[in-house]
Amino acid sequence: IVRDITQVKEAEQRLIDSENRLSALILNLESGILLEDEYRNIV
């Protein structure tokens, strides 16, 4: 069975790149950011 996963992998890579950019943006914001889950653990 042969399945084309080209677009899936590209989408996964775009998602990873987007997450990395978002993380970099948050890390370097002028505002202090703290995101906690419902148990008050730092996300």
ModelCIF file with pLDDT and N, C-alpha, C, O atoms, coordinates in Angstrom:
data_MODEL
#
_entry.id   MODEL 
#
_entity.id                         1 
_entity.type                       polymer 
_entity.pdbx_number_of_molecules   1 
#
_entity_poly.entity_id                      1 
_entity_poly.type                           'polypeptide(L)' 
_entity_poly.nstd_linkage                   no 
_entity_poly.nstd_monomer                   no 
_entity_poly.pdbx_seq_one_letter_code       IVRDITQVKEAEQRLIDSENRLSALILNLESGILLEDEYRNIV 
_entity_poly.pdbx_seq_one_letter_code_can   IVRDITQVKEAEQRLIDSENRLSALILNLESGILLEDEYRNIV 
_entity_poly.pdbx_strand_id                 A 
#
loop_
_entity_poly_seq.entity_id 
_entity_poly_seq.num 
_entity_poly_seq.mon_id 
_entity_poly_seq.hetero 
1 1  ILE n 
1 2  VAL n 
1 3  ARG n 
1 4  ASP n 
1 5  ILE n 
1 6  THR n 
1 7  GLN n 
1 8  VAL n 
1 9  LYS n 
1 10 GLU n 
1 11 ALA n 
1 12 GLU n 
1 13 GLN n 
1 14 ARG n 
1 15 LEU n 
1 16 ILE n 
1 17 ASP n 
1 18 SER n 
1 19 GLU n 
1 20 ASN n 
1 21 ARG n 
1 22 LEU n 
1 23 SER n 
1 24 ALA n 
1 25 LEU n 
1 26 ILE n 
1 27 LEU n 
1 28 ASN n 
1 29 LEU n 
1 30 GLU n 
1 31 SER n 
1 32 GLY n 
1 33 ILE n 
1 34 LEU n 
1 35 LEU n 
1 36 GLU n 
1 37 ASP n 
1 38 GLU n 
1 39 TYR n 
1 40 ARG n 
1 41 ASN n 
1 42 ILE n 
1 43 VAL n 
#
_struct_asym.id          A 
_struct_asym.entity_id   1 
#
loop_
_ma_qa_metric.id 
_ma_qa_metric.mode 
_ma_qa_metric.name 
_ma_qa_metric.software_group_id 
_ma_qa_metric.type 
1 global pLDDT . pLDDT 
2 local  pLDDT . pLDDT 
#
_ma_qa_metric_global.metric_id      1 
_ma_qa_metric_global.metric_value   82.19 
_ma_qa_metric_global.model_id       1 
_ma_qa_metric_global.ordinal_id     1 
#
loop_
_ma_qa_metric_local.label_asym_id 
_ma_qa_metric_local.label_comp_id 
_ma_qa_metric_local.label_seq_id 
_ma_qa_metric_local.metric_id 
_ma_qa_metric_local.metric_value 
_ma_qa_metric_local.model_id 
_ma_qa_metric_local.ordinal_id 
A ILE 1  2 91.00 1 1  
A VAL 2  2 92.00 1 2  
A ARG 3  2 92.00 1 3  
A ASP 4  2 91.00 1 4  
A ILE 5  2 90.00 1 5  
A THR 6  2 89.00 1 6  
A GLN 7  2 88.00 1 7  
A VAL 8  2 85.00 1 8  
A LYS 9  2 86.00 1 9  
A GLU 10 2 85.00 1 10 
A ALA 11 2 83.00 1 11 
A GLU 12 2 82.00 1 12 
A GLN 13 2 83.00 1 13 
A ARG 14 2 84.00 1 14 
A LEU 15 2 77.00 1 15 
A ILE 16 2 75.00 1 16 
A ASP 17 2 76.00 1 17 
A SER 18 2 73.00 1 18 
A GLU 19 2 67.00 1 19 
A ASN 20 2 70.00 1 20 
A ARG 21 2 75.00 1 21 
A LEU 22 2 68.00 1 22 
A SER 23 2 67.00 1 23 
A ALA 24 2 69.00 1 24 
A LEU 25 2 69.00 1 25 
A ILE 26 2 67.00 1 26 
A LEU 27 2 63.00 1 27 
A ASN 28 2 68.00 1 28 
A LEU 29 2 72.00 1 29 
A GLU 30 2 80.00 1 30 
A SER 31 2 87.00 1 31 
A GLY 32 2 89.00 1 32 
A ILE 33 2 88.00 1 33 
A LEU 34 2 90.00 1 34 
A LEU 35 2 91.00 1 35 
A GLU 36 2 92.00 1 36 
A ASP 37 2 92.00 1 37 
A GLU 38 2 92.00 1 38 
A TYR 39 2 91.00 1 39 
A ARG 40 2 92.00 1 40 
A ASN 41 2 93.00 1 41 
A ILE 42 2 91.00 1 42 
A VAL 43 2 89.00 1 43 
#
loop_
_atom_site.group_PDB 
_atom_site.id 
_atom_site.type_symbol 
_atom_site.label_atom_id 
_atom_site.label_alt_id 
_atom_site.label_comp_id 
_atom_site.label_asym_id 
_atom_site.label_entity_id 
_atom_site.label_seq_id 
_atom_site.pdbx_PDB_ins_code 
_atom_site.Cartn_x 
_atom_site.Cartn_y 
_atom_site.Cartn_z 
_atom_site.occupancy 
_atom_site.B_iso_or_equiv 
_atom_site.pdbx_formal_charge 
_atom_site.auth_seq_id 
_atom_site.auth_comp_id 
_atom_site.auth_asym_id 
_atom_site.auth_atom_id 
_atom_site.pdbx_PDB_model_num 
ATOM 1   N N  . ILE A 1 1  ? 0.872  -1.178 0.000  1.00 91.00 ? 1  ILE A N  1 
ATOM 2   C CA . ILE A 1 1  ? 0.000  0.000  0.000  1.00 91.00 ? 1  ILE A CA 1 
ATOM 3   C C  . ILE A 1 1  ? 0.909  1.227  0.000  1.00 91.00 ? 1  ILE A C  1 
ATOM 4   O O  . ILE A 1 1  ? 1.780  1.355  0.860  1.00 91.00 ? 1  ILE A O  1 
ATOM 5   N N  . VAL A 1 2  ? 0.708  2.137  -0.971 1.00 92.00 ? 2  VAL A N  1 
ATOM 6   C CA . VAL A 1 2  ? 1.536  3.333  -1.107 1.00 92.00 ? 2  VAL A CA 1 
ATOM 7   C C  . VAL A 1 2  ? 0.649  4.554  -0.868 1.00 92.00 ? 2  VAL A C  1 
ATOM 8   O O  . VAL A 1 2  ? -0.357 4.743  -1.552 1.00 92.00 ? 2  VAL A O  1 
ATOM 9   N N  . ARG A 1 3  ? 1.028  5.377  0.103  1.00 92.00 ? 3  ARG A N  1 
ATOM 10  C CA . ARG A 1 3  ? 0.230  6.558  0.452  1.00 92.00 ? 3  ARG A CA 1 
ATOM 11  C C  . ARG A 1 3  ? 1.079  7.824  0.269  1.00 92.00 ? 3  ARG A C  1 
ATOM 12  O O  . ARG A 1 3  ? 2.211  7.898  0.746  1.00 92.00 ? 3  ARG A O  1 
ATOM 13  N N  . ASP A 1 4  ? 0.505  8.827  -0.437 1.00 91.00 ? 4  ASP A N  1 
ATOM 14  C CA . ASP A 1 4  ? 1.184  10.113 -0.663 1.00 91.00 ? 4  ASP A CA 1 
ATOM 15  C C  . ASP A 1 4  ? 1.060  10.963 0.609  1.00 91.00 ? 4  ASP A C  1 
ATOM 16  O O  . ASP A 1 4  ? -0.037 11.371 0.989  1.00 91.00 ? 4  ASP A O  1 
ATOM 17  N N  . ILE A 1 5  ? 2.197  11.222 1.256  1.00 90.00 ? 5  ILE A N  1 
ATOM 18  C CA . ILE A 1 5  ? 2.190  12.021 2.491  1.00 90.00 ? 5  ILE A CA 1 
ATOM 19  C C  . ILE A 1 5  ? 2.949  13.333 2.294  1.00 90.00 ? 5  ILE A C  1 
ATOM 20  O O  . ILE A 1 5  ? 3.362  13.967 3.266  1.00 90.00 ? 5  ILE A O  1 
ATOM 21  N N  . THR A 1 6  ? 3.132  13.740 1.032  1.00 89.00 ? 6  THR A N  1 
ATOM 22  C CA . THR A 1 6  ? 3.889  14.973 0.753  1.00 89.00 ? 6  THR A CA 1 
ATOM 23  C C  . THR A 1 6  ? 3.269  16.173 1.440  1.00 89.00 ? 6  THR A C  1 
ATOM 24  O O  . THR A 1 6  ? 3.947  16.896 2.170  1.00 89.00 ? 6  THR A O  1 
ATOM 25  N N  . GLN A 1 7  ? 1.964  16.389 1.205  1.00 88.00 ? 7  GLN A N  1 
ATOM 26  C CA . GLN A 1 7  ? 1.296  17.562 1.774  1.00 88.00 ? 7  GLN A CA 1 
ATOM 27  C C  . GLN A 1 7  ? 1.202  17.469 3.290  1.00 88.00 ? 7  GLN A C  1 
ATOM 28  O O  . GLN A 1 7  ? 1.291  18.479 3.987  1.00 88.00 ? 7  GLN A O  1 
ATOM 29  N N  . VAL A 1 8  ? 1.022  16.251 3.798  1.00 85.00 ? 8  VAL A N  1 
ATOM 30  C CA . VAL A 1 8  ? 0.946  16.074 5.257  1.00 85.00 ? 8  VAL A CA 1 
ATOM 31  C C  . VAL A 1 8  ? 2.258  16.495 5.910  1.00 85.00 ? 8  VAL A C  1 
ATOM 32  O O  . VAL A 1 8  ? 2.266  17.201 6.918  1.00 85.00 ? 8  VAL A O  1 
ATOM 33  N N  . LYS A 1 9  ? 3.369  16.050 5.319  1.00 86.00 ? 9  LYS A N  1 
ATOM 34  C CA . LYS A 1 9  ? 4.671  16.402 5.879  1.00 86.00 ? 9  LYS A CA 1 
ATOM 35  C C  . LYS A 1 9  ? 4.943  17.898 5.766  1.00 86.00 ? 9  LYS A C  1 
ATOM 36  O O  . LYS A 1 9  ? 5.502  18.514 6.674  1.00 86.00 ? 9  LYS A O  1 
ATOM 37  N N  . GLU A 1 10 ? 4.532  18.478 4.616  1.00 85.00 ? 10 GLU A N  1 
ATOM 38  C CA . GLU A 1 10 ? 4.707  19.919 4.452  1.00 85.00 ? 10 GLU A CA 1 
ATOM 39  C C  . GLU A 1 10 ? 3.888  20.685 5.485  1.00 85.00 ? 10 GLU A C  1 
ATOM 40  O O  . GLU A 1 10 ? 4.357  21.666 6.062  1.00 85.00 ? 10 GLU A O  1 
ATOM 41  N N  . ALA A 1 11 ? 2.641  20.216 5.714  1.00 83.00 ? 11 ALA A N  1 
ATOM 42  C CA . ALA A 1 11 ? 1.793  20.864 6.714  1.00 83.00 ? 11 ALA A CA 1 
ATOM 43  C C  . ALA A 1 11 ? 2.395  20.720 8.110  1.00 83.00 ? 11 ALA A C  1 
ATOM 44  O O  . ALA A 1 11 ? 2.379  21.663 8.901  1.00 83.00 ? 11 ALA A O  1 
ATOM 45  N N  . GLU A 1 12 ? 2.933  19.515 8.410  1.00 82.00 ? 12 GLU A N  1 
ATOM 46  C CA . GLU A 1 12 ? 3.569  19.304 9.711  1.00 82.00 ? 12 GLU A CA 1 
ATOM 47  C C  . GLU A 1 12 ? 4.760  20.238 9.881  1.00 82.00 ? 12 GLU A C  1 
ATOM 48  O O  . GLU A 1 12 ? 4.969  20.799 10.957 1.00 82.00 ? 12 GLU A O  1 
ATOM 49  N N  . GLN A 1 13 ? 5.549  20.406 8.800  1.00 83.00 ? 13 GLN A N  1 
ATOM 50  C CA . GLN A 1 13 ? 6.714  21.274 8.880  1.00 83.00 ? 13 GLN A CA 1 
ATOM 51  C C  . GLN A 1 13 ? 6.304  22.727 9.065  1.00 83.00 ? 13 GLN A C  1 
ATOM 52  O O  . GLN A 1 13 ? 6.917  23.469 9.832  1.00 83.00 ? 13 GLN A O  1 
ATOM 53  N N  . ARG A 1 14 ? 5.231  23.128 8.330  1.00 84.00 ? 14 ARG A N  1 
ATOM 54  C CA . ARG A 1 14 ? 4.742  24.504 8.497  1.00 84.00 ? 14 ARG A CA 1 
ATOM 55  C C  . ARG A 1 14 ? 4.257  24.738 9.917  1.00 84.00 ? 14 ARG A C  1 
ATOM 56  O O  . ARG A 1 14 ? 4.482  25.801 10.493 1.00 84.00 ? 14 ARG A O  1 
ATOM 57  N N  . LEU A 1 15 ? 3.579  23.723 10.483 1.00 77.00 ? 15 LEU A N  1 
ATOM 58  C CA . LEU A 1 15 ? 3.104  23.844 11.857 1.00 77.00 ? 15 LEU A CA 1 
ATOM 59  C C  . LEU A 1 15 ? 4.273  23.964 12.831 1.00 77.00 ? 15 LEU A C  1 
ATOM 60  O O  . LEU A 1 15 ? 4.236  24.764 13.766 1.00 77.00 ? 15 LEU A O  1 
ATOM 61  N N  . ILE A 1 16 ? 5.316  23.155 12.598 1.00 75.00 ? 16 ILE A N  1 
ATOM 62  C CA . ILE A 1 16 ? 6.504  23.219 13.459 1.00 75.00 ? 16 ILE A CA 1 
ATOM 63  C C  . ILE A 1 16 ? 7.174  24.578 13.345 1.00 75.00 ? 16 ILE A C  1 
ATOM 64  O O  . ILE A 1 16 ? 7.565  25.181 14.345 1.00 75.00 ? 16 ILE A O  1 
ATOM 65  N N  . ASP A 1 17 ? 7.301  25.058 12.087 1.00 76.00 ? 17 ASP A N  1 
ATOM 66  C CA . ASP A 1 17 ? 7.915  26.376 11.876 1.00 76.00 ? 17 ASP A CA 1 
ATOM 67  C C  . ASP A 1 17 ? 7.091  27.464 12.550 1.00 76.00 ? 17 ASP A C  1 
ATOM 68  O O  . ASP A 1 17 ? 7.635  28.381 13.166 1.00 76.00 ? 17 ASP A O  1 
ATOM 69  N N  . SER A 1 18 ? 5.753  27.348 12.422 1.00 73.00 ? 18 SER A N  1 
ATOM 70  C CA . SER A 1 18 ? 4.871  28.343 13.034 1.00 73.00 ? 18 SER A CA 1 
ATOM 71  C C  . SER A 1 18 ? 5.006  28.323 14.552 1.00 73.00 ? 18 SER A C  1 
ATOM 72  O O  . SER A 1 18 ? 5.067  29.373 15.191 1.00 73.00 ? 18 SER A O  1 
ATOM 73  N N  . GLU A 1 19 ? 5.054  27.118 15.125 1.00 67.00 ? 19 GLU A N  1 
ATOM 74  C CA . GLU A 1 19 ? 5.219  27.009 16.576 1.00 67.00 ? 19 GLU A CA 1 
ATOM 75  C C  . GLU A 1 19 ? 6.556  27.595 17.019 1.00 67.00 ? 19 GLU A C  1 
ATOM 76  O O  . GLU A 1 19 ? 6.645  28.260 18.051 1.00 67.00 ? 19 GLU A O  1 
ATOM 77  N N  . ASN A 1 20 ? 7.598  27.336 16.218 1.00 70.00 ? 20 ASN A N  1 
ATOM 78  C CA . ASN A 1 20 ? 8.923  27.875 16.566 1.00 70.00 ? 20 ASN A CA 1 
ATOM 79  C C  . ASN A 1 20 ? 8.926  29.393 16.514 1.00 70.00 ? 20 ASN A C  1 
ATOM 80  O O  . ASN A 1 20 ? 9.500  30.055 17.378 1.00 70.00 ? 20 ASN A O  1 
ATOM 81  N N  . ARG A 1 21 ? 8.262  29.950 15.465 1.00 75.00 ? 21 ARG A N  1 
ATOM 82  C CA . ARG A 1 21 ? 8.198  31.414 15.362 1.00 75.00 ? 21 ARG A CA 1 
ATOM 83  C C  . ARG A 1 21 ? 7.407  31.999 16.523 1.00 75.00 ? 21 ARG A C  1 
ATOM 84  O O  . ARG A 1 21 ? 7.792  33.015 17.102 1.00 75.00 ? 21 ARG A O  1 
ATOM 85  N N  . LEU A 1 22 ? 6.290  31.343 16.858 1.00 68.00 ? 22 LEU A N  1 
ATOM 86  C CA . LEU A 1 22 ? 5.472  31.827 17.965 1.00 68.00 ? 22 LEU A CA 1 
ATOM 87  C C  . LEU A 1 22 ? 6.246  31.778 19.274 1.00 68.00 ? 22 LEU A C  1 
ATOM 88  O O  . LEU A 1 22 ? 6.189  32.711 20.075 1.00 68.00 ? 22 LEU A O  1 
ATOM 89  N N  . SER A 1 23 ? 6.971  30.682 19.484 1.00 67.00 ? 23 SER A N  1 
ATOM 90  C CA . SER A 1 23 ? 7.766  30.556 20.708 1.00 67.00 ? 23 SER A CA 1 
ATOM 91  C C  . SER A 1 23 ? 8.846  31.628 20.772 1.00 67.00 ? 23 SER A C  1 
ATOM 92  O O  . SER A 1 23 ? 9.082  32.228 21.820 1.00 67.00 ? 23 SER A O  1 
ATOM 93  N N  . ALA A 1 24 ? 9.505  31.861 19.622 1.00 69.00 ? 24 ALA A N  1 
ATOM 94  C CA . ALA A 1 24 ? 10.542 32.896 19.583 1.00 69.00 ? 24 ALA A CA 1 
ATOM 95  C C  . ALA A 1 24 ? 9.950  34.267 19.845 1.00 69.00 ? 24 ALA A C  1 
ATOM 96  O O  . ALA A 1 24 ? 10.548 35.090 20.540 1.00 69.00 ? 24 ALA A O  1 
ATOM 97  N N  . LEU A 1 25 ? 8.753  34.515 19.277 1.00 69.00 ? 25 LEU A N  1 
ATOM 98  C CA . LEU A 1 25 ? 8.092  35.805 19.487 1.00 69.00 ? 25 LEU A CA 1 
ATOM 99  C C  . LEU A 1 25 ? 7.753  36.006 20.958 1.00 69.00 ? 25 LEU A C  1 
ATOM 100 O O  . LEU A 1 25 ? 8.015  37.067 21.525 1.00 69.00 ? 25 LEU A O  1 
ATOM 101 N N  . ILE A 1 26 ? 7.167  34.977 21.572 1.00 67.00 ? 26 ILE A N  1 
ATOM 102 C CA . ILE A 1 26 ? 6.777  35.082 22.977 1.00 67.00 ? 26 ILE A CA 1 
ATOM 103 C C  . ILE A 1 26 ? 8.002  35.273 23.860 1.00 67.00 ? 26 ILE A C  1 
ATOM 104 O O  . ILE A 1 26 ? 7.984  36.069 24.800 1.00 67.00 ? 26 ILE A O  1 
ATOM 105 N N  . LEU A 1 27 ? 9.079  34.529 23.549 1.00 63.00 ? 27 LEU A N  1 
ATOM 106 C CA . LEU A 1 27 ? 10.285 34.623 24.368 1.00 63.00 ? 27 LEU A CA 1 
ATOM 107 C C  . LEU A 1 27 ? 10.899 36.019 24.336 1.00 63.00 ? 27 LEU A C  1 
ATOM 108 O O  . LEU A 1 27 ? 11.552 36.435 25.294 1.00 63.00 ? 27 LEU A O  1 
ATOM 109 N N  . ASN A 1 28 ? 10.688 36.750 23.227 1.00 68.00 ? 28 ASN A N  1 
ATOM 110 C CA . ASN A 1 28 ? 11.346 38.049 23.070 1.00 68.00 ? 28 ASN A CA 1 
ATOM 111 C C  . ASN A 1 28 ? 10.389 39.225 23.140 1.00 68.00 ? 28 ASN A C  1 
ATOM 112 O O  . ASN A 1 28 ? 10.763 40.344 22.791 1.00 68.00 ? 28 ASN A O  1 
ATOM 113 N N  . LEU A 1 29 ? 9.153  38.991 23.585 1.00 72.00 ? 29 LEU A N  1 
ATOM 114 C CA . LEU A 1 29 ? 8.198  40.089 23.731 1.00 72.00 ? 29 LEU A CA 1 
ATOM 115 C C  . LEU A 1 29 ? 8.666  41.069 24.809 1.00 72.00 ? 29 LEU A C  1 
ATOM 116 O O  . LEU A 1 29 ? 9.350  40.689 25.759 1.00 72.00 ? 29 LEU A O  1 
ATOM 117 N N  . GLU A 1 30 ? 8.284  42.337 24.639 1.00 80.00 ? 30 GLU A N  1 
ATOM 118 C CA . GLU A 1 30 ? 8.580  43.331 25.662 1.00 80.00 ? 30 GLU A CA 1 
ATOM 119 C C  . GLU A 1 30 ? 7.705  43.136 26.899 1.00 80.00 ? 30 GLU A C  1 
ATOM 120 O O  . GLU A 1 30 ? 8.065  43.561 27.997 1.00 80.00 ? 30 GLU A O  1 
ATOM 121 N N  . SER A 1 31 ? 6.554  42.491 26.713 1.00 87.00 ? 31 SER A N  1 
ATOM 122 C CA . SER A 1 31 ? 5.678  42.183 27.841 1.00 87.00 ? 31 SER A CA 1 
ATOM 123 C C  . SER A 1 31 ? 6.093  40.851 28.453 1.00 87.00 ? 31 SER A C  1 
ATOM 124 O O  . SER A 1 31 ? 6.532  39.940 27.751 1.00 87.00 ? 31 SER A O  1 
ATOM 125 N N  . GLY A 1 32 ? 5.947  40.752 29.775 1.00 89.00 ? 32 GLY A N  1 
ATOM 126 C CA . GLY A 1 32 ? 6.186  39.485 30.438 1.00 89.00 ? 32 GLY A CA 1 
ATOM 127 C C  . GLY A 1 32 ? 4.975  38.576 30.274 1.00 89.00 ? 32 GLY A C  1 
ATOM 128 O O  . GLY A 1 32 ? 3.851  38.990 30.560 1.00 89.00 ? 32 GLY A O  1 
ATOM 129 N N  . ILE A 1 33 ? 5.186  37.344 29.816 1.00 88.00 ? 33 ILE A N  1 
ATOM 130 C CA . ILE A 1 33 ? 4.103  36.408 29.524 1.00 88.00 ? 33 ILE A CA 1 
ATOM 131 C C  . ILE A 1 33 ? 4.225  35.198 30.441 1.00 88.00 ? 33 ILE A C  1 
ATOM 132 O O  . ILE A 1 33 ? 5.312  34.649 30.621 1.00 88.00 ? 33 ILE A O  1 
ATOM 133 N N  . LEU A 1 34 ? 3.094  34.787 31.021 1.00 90.00 ? 34 LEU A N  1 
ATOM 134 C CA . LEU A 1 34 ? 3.045  33.563 31.822 1.00 90.00 ? 34 LEU A CA 1 
ATOM 135 C C  . LEU A 1 34 ? 1.728  32.856 31.524 1.00 90.00 ? 34 LEU A C  1 
ATOM 136 O O  . LEU A 1 34 ? 0.656  33.360 31.859 1.00 90.00 ? 34 LEU A O  1 
ATOM 137 N N  . LEU A 1 35 ? 1.813  31.683 30.889 1.00 91.00 ? 35 LEU A N  1 
ATOM 138 C CA . LEU A 1 35 ? 0.633  30.882 30.568 1.00 91.00 ? 35 LEU A CA 1 
ATOM 139 C C  . LEU A 1 35 ? 0.611  29.667 31.485 1.00 91.00 ? 35 LEU A C  1 
ATOM 140 O O  . LEU A 1 35 ? 1.547  28.868 31.500 1.00 91.00 ? 35 LEU A O  1 
ATOM 141 N N  . GLU A 1 36 ? -0.481 29.536 32.257 1.00 92.00 ? 36 GLU A N  1 
ATOM 142 C CA . GLU A 1 36 ? -0.631 28.420 33.188 1.00 92.00 ? 36 GLU A CA 1 
ATOM 143 C C  . GLU A 1 36 ? -1.813 27.554 32.768 1.00 92.00 ? 36 GLU A C  1 
ATOM 144 O O  . GLU A 1 36 ? -2.789 28.064 32.219 1.00 92.00 ? 36 GLU A O  1 
ATOM 145 N N  . ASP A 1 37 ? -1.731 26.233 33.025 1.00 92.00 ? 37 ASP A N  1 
ATOM 146 C CA . ASP A 1 37 ? -2.875 25.357 32.745 1.00 92.00 ? 37 ASP A CA 1 
ATOM 147 C C  . ASP A 1 37 ? -3.847 25.401 33.918 1.00 92.00 ? 37 ASP A C  1 
ATOM 148 O O  . ASP A 1 37 ? -3.662 26.176 34.857 1.00 92.00 ? 37 ASP A O  1 
ATOM 149 N N  . GLU A 1 38 ? -4.886 24.564 33.860 1.00 92.00 ? 38 GLU A N  1 
ATOM 150 C CA . GLU A 1 38 ? -5.923 24.624 34.882 1.00 92.00 ? 38 GLU A CA 1 
ATOM 151 C C  . GLU A 1 38 ? -5.419 24.218 36.274 1.00 92.00 ? 38 GLU A C  1 
ATOM 152 O O  . GLU A 1 38 ? -6.071 24.493 37.282 1.00 92.00 ? 38 GLU A O  1 
ATOM 153 N N  . TYR A 1 39 ? -4.234 23.550 36.318 1.00 91.00 ? 39 TYR A N  1 
ATOM 154 C CA . TYR A 1 39 ? -3.662 23.143 37.600 1.00 91.00 ? 39 TYR A CA 1 
ATOM 155 C C  . TYR A 1 39 ? -2.565 24.114 38.051 1.00 91.00 ? 39 TYR A C  1 
ATOM 156 O O  . TYR A 1 39 ? -1.854 23.856 39.023 1.00 91.00 ? 39 TYR A O  1 
ATOM 157 N N  . ARG A 1 40 ? -2.440 25.239 37.327 1.00 92.00 ? 40 ARG A N  1 
ATOM 158 C CA . ARG A 1 40 ? -1.463 26.279 37.615 1.00 92.00 ? 40 ARG A CA 1 
ATOM 159 C C  . ARG A 1 40 ? -0.026 25.825 37.361 1.00 92.00 ? 40 ARG A C  1 
ATOM 160 O O  . ARG A 1 40 ? 0.913  26.322 37.983 1.00 92.00 ? 40 ARG A O  1 
ATOM 161 N N  . ASN A 1 41 ? 0.133  24.863 36.430 1.00 93.00 ? 41 ASN A N  1 
ATOM 162 C CA . ASN A 1 41 ? 1.461  24.489 35.967 1.00 93.00 ? 41 ASN A CA 1 
ATOM 163 C C  . ASN A 1 41 ? 1.830  25.376 34.780 1.00 93.00 ? 41 ASN A C  1 
ATOM 164 O O  . ASN A 1 41 ? 0.988  25.675 33.934 1.00 93.00 ? 41 ASN A O  1 
ATOM 165 N N  . ILE A 1 42 ? 3.096  25.794 34.725 1.00 91.00 ? 42 ILE A N  1 
ATOM 166 C CA . ILE A 1 42 ? 3.531  26.703 33.661 1.00 91.00 ? 42 ILE A CA 1 
ATOM 167 C C  . ILE A 1 42 ? 3.583  25.962 32.327 1.00 91.00 ? 42 ILE A C  1 
ATOM 168 O O  . ILE A 1 42 ? 4.211  24.910 32.204 1.00 91.00 ? 42 ILE A O  1 
ATOM 169 N N  . VAL A 1 43 ? 2.904  26.538 31.331 1.00 89.00 ? 43 VAL A N  1 
ATOM 170 C CA . VAL A 1 43 ? 2.924  26.001 29.971 1.00 89.00 ? 43 VAL A CA 1 
ATOM 171 C C  . VAL A 1 43 ? 3.988  26.718 29.151 1.00 89.00 ? 43 VAL A C  1 
ATOM 172 O O  . VAL A 1 43 ? 4.169  26.413 27.972 1.00 89.00 ? 43 VAL A O  1 
#
